[in-house]
Protein backbone atom coordinates (compact mmCIF):
# COMPACT_ATOMS: atom_id res chain seq x y z
CA MET A 1 39.25 5.15 -17.43
CA VAL A 2 40.61 7.38 -14.66
CA ALA A 3 40.30 10.36 -16.78
CA SER A 4 36.64 9.55 -17.63
CA ARG A 5 35.79 9.13 -13.96
CA ALA A 6 37.50 12.42 -13.13
CA ARG A 7 35.41 14.14 -15.72
CA ILE A 8 32.23 12.60 -14.44
CA VAL A 9 33.08 13.75 -10.86
CA LYS A 10 34.01 17.16 -12.22
CA ASP A 11 30.66 17.44 -14.07
CA ALA A 12 28.72 16.39 -11.18
CA ASP A 13 30.44 18.88 -8.90
CA ARG A 14 29.81 21.64 -11.42
CA ARG A 15 26.04 20.71 -11.56
CA MET A 16 25.96 20.66 -7.81
CA LEU A 17 27.53 24.13 -7.52
CA ALA A 18 25.15 25.45 -10.28
CA GLY A 19 22.11 24.23 -8.42
CA MET A 20 23.36 25.63 -5.15
CA ALA A 21 24.06 29.04 -6.82
CA ALA A 22 20.52 29.01 -8.41
CA ALA A 23 19.00 28.12 -5.13
CA LEU A 24 20.84 30.95 -3.20
CA ALA A 25 19.95 33.44 -6.02
CA GLN A 26 16.33 32.52 -5.68
CA VAL A 27 16.39 32.87 -1.87
CA ALA A 28 18.21 36.19 -2.26
CA LEU A 29 15.63 37.52 -4.74
CA GLY A 30 12.81 36.29 -2.48
CA LEU A 31 14.23 37.97 0.51
CA GLY A 32 14.83 41.15 -1.51
CA LEU A 33 11.11 41.11 -2.56
CA VAL A 34 10.03 40.64 0.93
CA VAL A 35 12.30 43.49 2.35
CA ALA A 36 11.13 45.88 -0.56
CA GLY A 37 7.51 44.91 -0.01
CA VAL A 38 7.70 45.62 3.73
CA ALA A 39 9.49 48.88 3.11
CA VAL A 40 7.05 50.10 0.46
CA PHE A 41 4.04 48.95 2.76
CA PHE A 42 5.23 50.95 5.78
CA VAL A 43 6.27 53.97 3.60
CA ALA A 44 3.14 54.04 1.41
CA THR A 45 0.33 52.78 3.77
CA PRO A 46 -0.03 56.05 5.71
CA SER A 47 -0.83 57.82 2.55
CA VAL A 48 -4.45 57.27 1.59
CA GLU A 49 -3.77 58.68 -1.80
CA SER A 50 -1.62 55.70 -2.85
CA PRO A 51 -3.68 52.52 -2.30
CA GLY A 52 -1.99 50.84 -5.16
CA ALA A 53 1.36 50.95 -3.37
CA GLY A 54 -0.15 48.88 -0.54
CA ILE A 55 -1.37 46.26 -2.99
CA LEU A 56 1.95 46.26 -4.78
CA ALA A 57 3.78 45.84 -1.48
CA THR A 58 1.56 43.00 -0.43
CA ALA A 59 2.06 41.24 -3.80
CA ALA A 60 5.81 41.65 -3.50
CA ILE A 61 5.84 40.18 -0.02
CA ALA A 62 3.65 37.21 -1.14
CA VAL A 63 5.93 36.52 -4.27
CA GLY A 64 9.06 36.81 -2.11
CA LEU A 65 7.66 34.47 0.56
CA ALA A 66 6.78 32.00 -2.27
CA LEU A 67 10.35 32.23 -3.67
CA VAL A 68 11.86 31.51 -0.32
CA PHE A 69 9.52 28.79 0.97
CA GLY A 70 8.08 27.41 -2.18
CA PRO A 71 10.94 25.03 -2.97
CA TRP A 72 11.09 23.79 0.64
CA TRP A 73 7.25 23.30 0.63
CA TRP A 74 7.45 21.48 -2.65
CA ARG A 75 10.12 19.12 -1.56
CA LEU A 76 8.28 18.54 1.80
CA THR A 77 5.10 17.56 -0.05
CA ARG A 78 7.00 15.35 -2.53
CA ASP A 79 8.99 13.67 0.28
CA LEU A 80 5.73 12.95 2.15
CA GLY A 81 4.10 11.47 -0.92
CA VAL A 82 7.15 9.26 -1.62
CA GLU A 83 7.18 8.07 2.04
CA HIS A 84 3.42 7.42 1.97
CA GLN A 85 3.80 5.27 -1.24
CA GLU A 86 6.83 3.47 0.11
CA ARG A 87 4.98 2.64 3.34
CA ILE A 88 2.02 1.26 1.29
CA ARG A 89 4.31 -0.82 -0.88
CA SER A 90 6.15 -2.20 2.23
CA GLN A 91 2.70 -3.07 3.87
CA GLU A 92 1.70 -4.83 0.67
CA ARG A 93 5.04 -6.86 0.54
CA ALA A 94 4.57 -7.81 4.15
CA GLU A 95 1.03 -8.97 3.56
CA VAL A 96 2.16 -11.07 0.54
CA ALA A 97 5.06 -12.55 2.52
CA ALA A 98 2.66 -13.45 5.39
CA HIS A 99 0.12 -14.99 3.11
CA ILE A 100 2.66 -17.11 1.25
CA HIS A 101 3.97 -18.37 4.69
CA ASP A 102 0.59 -19.11 6.00
CA SER A 103 -0.74 -20.90 2.78
CA VAL A 104 1.84 -22.12 0.34
CA LEU A 105 4.78 -22.91 2.60
CA GLN A 106 2.69 -24.56 5.20
CA THR A 107 0.98 -26.72 2.63
CA LEU A 108 4.32 -27.75 1.19
CA ALA A 109 5.42 -28.79 4.79
CA LEU A 110 2.19 -30.81 5.22
CA ILE A 111 2.68 -32.50 1.78
CA GLN A 112 6.23 -33.40 2.75
CA ARG A 113 5.03 -34.74 6.12
CA ASN A 114 2.28 -36.82 4.36
CA SER A 115 4.30 -37.93 1.37
CA ALA A 116 3.28 -41.54 1.90
CA ASP A 117 -0.46 -40.77 1.66
CA ALA A 118 -1.06 -39.96 -2.07
CA LYS A 119 -4.72 -39.31 -1.56
CA LYS A 120 -4.04 -36.63 1.17
CA VAL A 121 -1.20 -35.09 -0.72
CA SER A 122 -3.54 -34.77 -3.83
CA THR A 123 -6.21 -33.13 -1.60
CA LEU A 124 -3.87 -30.70 -0.02
CA ALA A 125 -2.39 -29.66 -3.56
CA ARG A 126 -5.83 -29.17 -4.98
CA SER A 127 -6.98 -27.22 -2.04
CA GLN A 128 -3.94 -24.99 -2.10
CA GLU A 129 -4.22 -24.44 -5.83
CA ARG A 130 -7.78 -23.31 -5.42
CA GLU A 131 -7.09 -21.03 -2.53
CA LEU A 132 -4.09 -19.48 -4.33
CA ARG A 133 -6.16 -18.83 -7.47
CA ASN A 134 -8.89 -17.19 -5.38
CA TRP A 135 -6.31 -14.97 -3.63
CA LEU A 136 -4.43 -14.00 -6.76
CA TYR A 137 -7.40 -13.15 -8.92
CA GLY A 138 -9.91 -11.94 -6.31
CA ALA A 139 -12.47 -14.80 -6.87
CA PRO A 140 -15.31 -14.53 -4.30
CA GLU A 141 -15.75 -17.19 -1.80
CA SER A 142 -18.74 -19.38 -2.45
CA ASN A 143 -19.83 -19.13 1.28
CA PRO A 144 -18.46 -15.85 2.60
CA VAL A 145 -18.32 -15.70 6.32
CA GLU A 146 -20.00 -12.74 7.98
CA SER A 147 -19.95 -13.89 11.63
CA LEU A 148 -16.73 -13.74 13.66
CA THR A 149 -17.70 -16.89 15.67
CA ALA A 150 -18.32 -18.71 12.31
CA ALA A 151 -14.87 -17.59 11.04
CA LEU A 152 -13.18 -18.91 14.17
CA GLU A 153 -14.98 -22.23 13.91
CA ARG A 154 -13.96 -22.51 10.19
CA VAL A 155 -10.38 -21.92 11.32
CA ARG A 156 -10.80 -24.62 14.03
CA ASP A 157 -12.11 -27.08 11.51
CA GLU A 158 -9.27 -26.37 9.12
CA ILE A 159 -6.57 -26.77 11.74
CA GLU A 160 -8.13 -30.04 13.04
CA TYR A 161 -8.26 -31.38 9.46
CA LEU A 162 -4.84 -30.38 8.44
CA HIS A 163 -2.86 -31.20 11.58
CA GLY A 164 -4.95 -33.82 13.32
CA VAL A 165 -4.98 -31.97 16.58
CA ALA A 166 -8.12 -31.16 18.55
CA VAL A 167 -8.95 -27.45 18.92
CA GLU A 168 -11.35 -26.36 21.65
CA THR A 169 -13.04 -23.00 21.03
CA VAL A 170 -15.05 -20.72 23.41
CA GLU A 171 -16.79 -17.63 22.14
CA VAL A 172 -18.24 -14.87 24.17
CA GLY A 173 -20.21 -12.45 22.00
CA ASP A 174 -20.21 -12.15 18.07
CA CYS A 175 -20.03 -9.38 15.50
CA PRO A 176 -19.65 -9.02 11.73
CA VAL A 177 -16.26 -9.52 10.05
CA ASP A 178 -14.44 -6.61 8.73
CA GLU A 179 -11.01 -6.01 7.24
CA ARG A 180 -9.35 -5.63 10.78
CA LEU A 181 -11.10 -8.82 12.08
CA VAL A 182 -10.02 -10.73 9.02
CA ALA A 183 -6.47 -9.93 10.06
CA LEU A 184 -7.35 -11.12 13.52
CA MET A 185 -8.62 -14.45 12.21
CA LEU A 186 -5.62 -15.02 10.04
CA SER A 187 -3.29 -14.23 12.99
CA SER A 188 -5.43 -16.65 15.11
CA ARG A 189 -5.03 -19.28 12.48
CA GLU A 190 -1.24 -18.96 12.42
CA ALA A 191 -1.06 -19.16 16.21
CA LEU A 192 -3.27 -22.33 16.23
CA ALA A 193 -1.22 -23.90 13.45
CA ASN A 194 2.05 -23.11 15.22
CA ALA A 195 0.60 -24.73 18.38
CA ALA A 196 -0.58 -27.82 16.47
CA ARG A 197 2.75 -28.19 14.64
CA HIS A 198 5.30 -27.40 17.34
CA SER A 199 3.92 -27.69 20.90
CA GLY A 200 3.55 -31.36 20.95
CA ALA A 201 0.24 -31.05 22.74
CA SER A 202 -2.68 -33.30 21.79
CA ALA A 203 -5.19 -30.40 21.97
CA VAL A 204 -5.07 -26.59 21.73
CA SER A 205 -7.67 -23.91 22.72
CA ALA A 206 -8.85 -20.68 21.34
CA TYR A 207 -10.89 -18.15 23.52
CA LEU A 208 -12.67 -15.32 21.53
CA GLU A 209 -14.21 -12.39 23.42
CA VAL A 210 -16.03 -9.61 21.59
CA GLU A 211 -16.39 -6.36 23.43
CA PRO A 212 -17.79 -2.89 22.33
CA HIS A 213 -14.37 -1.41 21.56
CA GLN A 214 -12.15 -4.41 20.88
CA VAL A 215 -11.93 -8.14 20.06
CA THR A 216 -9.61 -10.52 22.03
CA VAL A 217 -8.39 -13.89 21.10
CA PHE A 218 -6.25 -16.20 23.40
CA VAL A 219 -4.58 -19.25 21.82
CA ARG A 220 -3.23 -21.51 24.42
CA ASP A 221 -1.49 -25.02 24.56
CA ARG A 222 0.06 -26.98 27.34
CA GLY A 223 2.89 -28.28 25.22
CA LYS A 224 6.67 -28.00 25.51
CA GLY A 225 6.85 -24.19 25.07
CA PHE A 226 9.95 -22.32 23.77
CA ASP A 227 12.24 -19.42 24.29
CA LEU A 228 11.30 -16.47 22.01
CA ASP A 229 14.90 -15.29 21.92
CA GLU A 230 16.04 -18.73 20.56
CA VAL A 231 13.60 -18.70 17.54
CA PRO A 232 15.68 -18.75 14.35
CA ARG A 233 15.72 -15.59 12.28
CA HIS A 234 14.54 -17.38 9.13
CA ARG A 235 11.44 -18.59 11.00
CA ARG A 236 9.04 -15.70 10.33
CA GLY A 237 5.63 -17.13 11.40
CA ILE A 238 5.46 -15.24 14.60
CA ALA A 239 7.13 -12.18 13.50
CA ASP A 240 5.31 -11.65 10.18
CA SER A 241 2.09 -13.65 10.30
CA ILE A 242 1.13 -12.89 13.77
CA VAL A 243 2.88 -9.82 15.45
CA GLY A 244 3.56 -8.09 12.09
CA ARG A 245 0.09 -8.67 10.71
CA MET A 246 -1.70 -7.41 13.88
CA ASP A 247 0.64 -4.39 13.98
CA ARG A 248 -0.14 -3.48 10.41
CA HIS A 249 -3.90 -3.45 11.05
CA GLY A 250 -3.72 -1.49 14.24
CA GLY A 251 -3.85 -4.42 16.74
CA LYS A 252 -1.46 -5.95 19.11
CA ALA A 253 -0.06 -9.41 19.59
CA VAL A 254 1.87 -10.66 22.73
CA VAL A 255 3.37 -14.16 22.96
CA HIS A 256 3.99 -15.68 26.40
CA SER A 257 5.94 -18.88 26.48
CA GLU A 258 8.60 -20.73 28.47
CA PRO A 259 10.19 -24.06 27.96
CA GLY A 260 8.04 -26.70 29.64
CA ALA A 261 5.27 -24.32 30.46
CA GLY A 262 3.30 -24.16 27.15
CA THR A 263 2.44 -21.07 25.15
CA GLU A 264 -0.16 -18.38 25.19
CA VAL A 265 -0.77 -15.93 22.35
CA GLU A 266 -2.85 -12.94 23.11
CA LEU A 267 -4.25 -11.08 20.21
CA VAL A 268 -6.12 -7.73 20.62
CA MET A 269 -7.82 -5.82 17.66
CA PRO A 270 -9.72 -2.46 18.13
CA ARG A 271 -13.12 -2.36 16.53
């Protein structure tokens, strides 16, 4: 076993040294071509009778530079491509986690809370199954929402139905819904759901303002408030479904809360 490991390490070292030697040889060859090309260029260029020498010198310089900088450029473009793909995958994982938190996990919590009401449990389960199928398989909505105020009102109705808490909405302006504003509405929904579940207030409010260059939503409650630093690490609603989601789509979320002073969530999304 020890001998086998030593042989593997020795082979790895040998391959590394061989790779370094090949790279150094390539760089040396490239530098040699550059130096030779420059020398030929300065020696032969003054002579009008030898235009081919100038072309040859230019070609040598180009090949030399390619040998010296080509591997570096290739690694740079490869690393940038890998980083871009990893960033996309990370964002997709974050979106999936946020969606599961906002939909499936919240529905399970509601089912547990209403376990004595068989009819409501059945309704919640069917609704969640339908929503999850639509999300997984890309089924279109029967009544797609194109107006931002209509989207907020739909969120309001959903929160009132699911949590039994009154939601007061005020809208100033309106505009069509695009991908960024969908993220804004999802973050607003999570903020309202958090207020309905945890604040202890009998009513919460949402203020929507549409401006030429941005859309702002304020979600407020006059409940018990909380200390952000004391939120358990496993509770990812604020971090993933509000702050993280807004950040991934180019927006900003700020949570203001103090124990006994209620909570305000400010959401700003550029247009």
